[in-house]
Protein backbone atom coordinates (compact mmCIF):
# COMPACT_ATOMS: atom_id res chain seq x y z
CA MET A 1 9.18 -5.72 -12.76
CA GLN A 2 7.56 -6.30 -16.48
CA HIS A 3 10.60 -7.35 -19.19
CA GLN A 4 9.70 -4.58 -22.03
CA ASN A 5 11.74 -6.16 -25.44
CA ARG A 6 12.35 -3.07 -27.79
CA ASN A 7 12.48 -5.41 -30.75
CA ILE A 8 8.49 -5.86 -30.35
CA ALA A 9 6.72 -4.29 -32.79
CA PRO A 10 3.61 -2.04 -31.12
CA TYR A 11 1.67 -3.28 -33.66
CA ALA A 12 2.85 -6.82 -33.14
CA LYS A 13 -0.95 -7.33 -31.56
CA SER A 14 -2.88 -6.42 -34.59
CA ALA A 15 -1.12 -8.39 -36.94
CA VAL A 16 -1.11 -12.02 -35.63
CA LYS A 17 -4.80 -10.86 -35.97
CA LEU A 18 -4.90 -9.79 -39.11
CA LEU A 19 -2.71 -13.53 -39.71
CA GLN A 20 -5.83 -14.98 -38.37
CA GLY A 21 -8.69 -13.57 -39.67
CA PRO A 22 -10.24 -10.40 -40.27
CA VAL A 23 -11.10 -8.27 -37.73
CA PHE A 24 -13.37 -5.73 -37.31
CA GLU A 25 -14.82 -2.95 -35.09
CA ASP A 26 -16.95 -4.61 -32.32
CA GLN A 27 -13.10 -5.57 -31.51
CA GLN A 28 -12.37 -2.47 -29.76
CA GLU A 29 -8.85 -2.45 -28.92
CA VAL A 30 -7.03 -4.75 -32.32
CA TRP A 31 -9.83 -2.29 -33.50
CA ASN A 32 -8.24 1.41 -33.22
CA GLU A 33 -4.68 -0.52 -33.38
CA VAL A 34 -5.45 -0.81 -37.00
CA LEU A 35 -6.72 2.55 -37.64
CA GLN A 36 -3.24 2.89 -35.56
CA TYR A 37 -0.51 1.66 -37.23
CA GLN A 38 -2.62 1.10 -40.22
CA VAL A 39 1.37 2.30 -42.43
CA GLU A 40 2.93 0.27 -40.74
CA LEU A 41 1.00 -2.75 -40.71
CA THR A 42 1.36 -2.16 -44.72
CA GLN A 43 4.12 -1.90 -45.59
CA TYR A 44 5.42 -4.55 -42.92
CA PHE A 45 2.60 -6.65 -44.96
CA GLU A 46 3.74 -5.92 -47.70
CA ARG A 47 7.37 -7.41 -47.49
CA ILE A 48 5.43 -11.11 -47.78
CA ALA A 49 3.26 -10.03 -50.86
CA LEU A 50 -0.11 -9.28 -48.86
CA GLU A 51 -2.47 -6.25 -49.06
CA VAL A 52 -4.44 -5.02 -45.59
CA VAL A 53 -7.73 -4.25 -46.70
CA ILE A 54 -9.61 -1.73 -44.46
CA ASP A 55 -12.89 -0.47 -45.29
CA LYS A 56 -13.21 1.96 -42.69
CA ARG A 57 -17.12 3.28 -43.11
CA ASP A 58 -18.22 -0.93 -43.13
CA GLY A 59 -15.99 -1.32 -40.04
CA TYR A 60 -13.57 -4.64 -41.26
CA ALA A 61 -9.91 -5.59 -42.04
CA TYR A 62 -8.27 -7.77 -43.19
CA LEU A 63 -5.45 -9.53 -45.52
CA LYS A 64 -5.30 -9.74 -48.76
CA GLN A 65 -2.13 -11.96 -50.98
CA ILE A 66 -0.50 -9.68 -52.92
CA GLU A 67 -0.90 -11.54 -57.44
CA LEU A 68 3.37 -11.79 -58.15
CA ASP A 69 2.52 -12.46 -61.99
CA GLU A 70 -0.53 -12.42 -64.71
CA SER A 71 -0.86 -15.93 -63.55
CA GLY A 72 -2.17 -15.01 -60.68
CA THR A 73 0.38 -16.99 -58.91
CA THR A 74 1.01 -16.49 -54.37
CA ILE A 75 2.96 -15.98 -51.94
CA GLY A 76 0.19 -19.68 -50.81
CA LEU A 77 0.08 -17.96 -47.32
CA ILE A 78 -3.87 -17.37 -47.09
CA ARG A 79 -5.49 -20.73 -48.06
CA ARG A 80 -7.79 -20.26 -50.27
CA MET A 81 -10.78 -21.94 -48.97
CA PRO A 82 -12.98 -23.24 -51.51
CA LEU A 83 -16.20 -22.72 -51.14
CA THR A 84 -19.11 -25.98 -52.20
CA TYR A 85 -21.80 -24.94 -54.05
CA ASP A 86 -24.61 -24.80 -51.32
CA LEU A 87 -22.05 -22.92 -48.95
CA THR A 88 -21.76 -20.28 -52.66
CA LEU A 89 -25.34 -20.32 -52.37
CA VAL A 90 -25.90 -18.86 -48.78
CA CYS A 91 -22.96 -16.34 -49.63
CA VAL A 92 -24.56 -15.48 -52.84
CA LEU A 93 -28.17 -15.24 -51.25
CA LEU A 94 -26.25 -13.41 -48.14
CA ARG A 95 -24.92 -10.60 -50.06
CA GLU A 96 -28.34 -10.18 -51.88
CA TRP A 97 -29.90 -9.50 -49.26
CA LEU A 98 -27.60 -7.54 -48.01
CA LEU A 99 -27.46 -5.41 -51.16
CA GLU A 100 -31.48 -4.99 -50.90
CA PHE A 101 -30.94 -4.68 -47.11
CA GLU A 102 -27.94 -1.57 -47.68
CA SER A 103 -30.60 0.20 -50.34
CA SER A 104 -34.14 0.06 -48.84
CA ASP A 105 -33.23 0.48 -44.71
CA LEU A 106 -31.23 3.51 -43.68
CA GLU A 107 -32.44 3.49 -40.32
CA THR A 108 -30.68 -0.19 -39.16
CA ALA A 109 -27.06 0.00 -38.94
CA ASN A 110 -26.51 -3.88 -39.71
CA LEU A 111 -28.51 -6.57 -41.13
CA TYR A 112 -30.14 -9.38 -38.87
CA ILE A 113 -31.37 -12.94 -40.15
CA THR A 114 -32.53 -15.75 -38.36
CA PRO A 115 -32.84 -19.28 -40.03
CA LYS A 116 -36.25 -19.75 -40.35
CA GLU A 117 -36.16 -16.16 -42.06
CA PHE A 118 -33.17 -17.62 -44.71
CA ARG A 119 -35.27 -20.71 -45.12
CA ASP A 120 -38.26 -18.95 -46.22
CA ARG A 121 -35.41 -16.78 -48.64
CA MET A 122 -34.78 -20.28 -50.46
CA GLU A 123 -37.82 -21.97 -50.86
CA MET A 124 -37.66 -20.49 -54.48
CA PHE A 125 -34.40 -21.90 -55.70
CA PHE A 126 -36.21 -25.04 -54.20
CA LYS A 127 -37.96 -27.13 -57.30
CA GLU A 128 -37.77 -30.52 -55.76
CA LYS A 129 -38.15 -30.95 -52.13
CA THR A 130 -35.66 -33.40 -51.77
CA ASN A 131 -33.11 -31.40 -52.43
CA GLU A 132 -35.16 -29.24 -50.17
CA LEU A 133 -34.70 -30.95 -47.01
CA LYS A 134 -30.92 -32.47 -47.42
CA PHE A 135 -30.59 -28.30 -47.78
CA ILE A 136 -32.21 -27.41 -44.97
CA LYS A 137 -30.42 -30.32 -42.52
CA GLU A 138 -27.72 -28.46 -43.93
CA LEU A 139 -28.18 -24.99 -43.15
CA ASN A 140 -27.62 -24.69 -39.44
CA ARG A 141 -23.92 -25.79 -40.66
CA HIS A 142 -23.43 -23.46 -43.71
CA LEU A 143 -24.15 -20.86 -41.87
CA GLU A 144 -21.37 -22.13 -38.77
CA ASP A 145 -19.05 -22.09 -41.98
CA CYS A 146 -20.68 -18.36 -42.55
CA VAL A 147 -19.38 -17.76 -38.74
CA LYS A 148 -16.37 -19.04 -39.02
CA MET A 149 -15.31 -17.32 -42.33
CA GLY A 150 -16.35 -14.08 -40.73
CA PHE A 151 -19.70 -12.95 -42.77
CA LEU A 152 -21.58 -13.68 -39.90
CA LYS A 153 -21.94 -12.88 -35.92
CA LEU A 154 -24.54 -15.56 -34.23
CA VAL A 155 -25.94 -12.25 -31.60
CA HIS A 156 -28.92 -14.17 -29.72
CA LYS A 157 -28.77 -18.29 -29.60
CA ASP A 158 -32.19 -19.85 -28.73
CA ARG A 159 -33.25 -21.80 -26.31
CA THR A 160 -35.88 -23.77 -27.53
CA SER A 161 -34.58 -24.17 -31.84
CA THR A 162 -31.63 -22.98 -33.50
CA ASP A 163 -34.39 -21.28 -35.75
CA GLU A 164 -34.83 -18.56 -34.19
CA TYR A 165 -30.43 -17.33 -33.42
CA ARG A 166 -30.39 -14.42 -34.87
CA TYR A 167 -27.36 -13.66 -36.61
CA GLU A 168 -25.58 -10.27 -37.67
CA VAL A 169 -24.07 -10.27 -41.15
CA LYS A 170 -20.86 -8.73 -41.90
CA ARG A 171 -20.44 -6.53 -44.45
CA ILE A 172 -16.53 -8.01 -45.07
CA LEU A 173 -19.34 -10.15 -46.95
CA LYS A 174 -19.10 -7.51 -49.35
CA ALA A 175 -14.93 -7.29 -50.44
CA ARG A 176 -14.62 -11.59 -50.05
CA VAL A 177 -17.92 -11.82 -53.31
CA THR A 178 -17.61 -8.64 -55.25
CA THR A 179 -21.73 -7.52 -57.63
CA ASP A 180 -19.81 -9.29 -60.49
CA GLU A 181 -19.48 -12.32 -58.74
CA LEU A 182 -23.25 -11.36 -57.27
CA SER A 183 -24.22 -11.40 -60.93
CA LYS A 184 -22.64 -14.19 -63.13
CA PHE A 185 -23.84 -16.45 -60.11
CA LYS A 186 -27.48 -15.28 -60.27
CA GLN A 187 -27.63 -16.49 -64.05
CA GLN A 188 -25.42 -19.32 -63.87
CA LEU A 189 -28.18 -20.36 -60.99
CA GLU A 190 -31.14 -18.80 -63.18
CA ASP A 191 -29.48 -21.61 -66.22
CA GLU A 192 -29.83 -24.46 -64.36
CA LEU A 193 -33.16 -23.58 -63.12
CA LYS A 194 -34.65 -23.44 -67.10
CA SER A 195 -33.21 -26.51 -67.78
CA VAL A 196 -34.85 -28.87 -65.09
């Protein structure tokens, strides 16, 4: 006989998943639970200064810390991962690529990329080839980091070469890198390129 604990909330599993990271619609069971208990989850997390962000159109949900005062203090539950310059560059380029894709390709649902295609896009940022070599060596690591952060999903591994790995670019990136931040960073990059 299964022991049923009356005190466990029916949305317990999805609450824990949200605390662990973003939830996507292809995680059907948890995704459906998040949608079903949206009101309860919102009320539950509000008590500990967290906001549940759900984007049904793009199919993702995540927790965002509520700022407690003017200076942006939070309860500090969700660690803000400081992104390195290179990783920021990767995220910004992916975000821009997603923007282009969404405005031009209305047939295909998702954007898929390979490390090789990504490198081709990177070319213009590296005037000096020495920087580029180091970056290329680390590109796969950056892409792995993006997978861990939920921005990319590895959908196909190629036995012969990591260059041909296929990643799906997740739309949660739009929530994490806004269009304002995108243009600010691009301006910063252009200024740096001019000063080289």
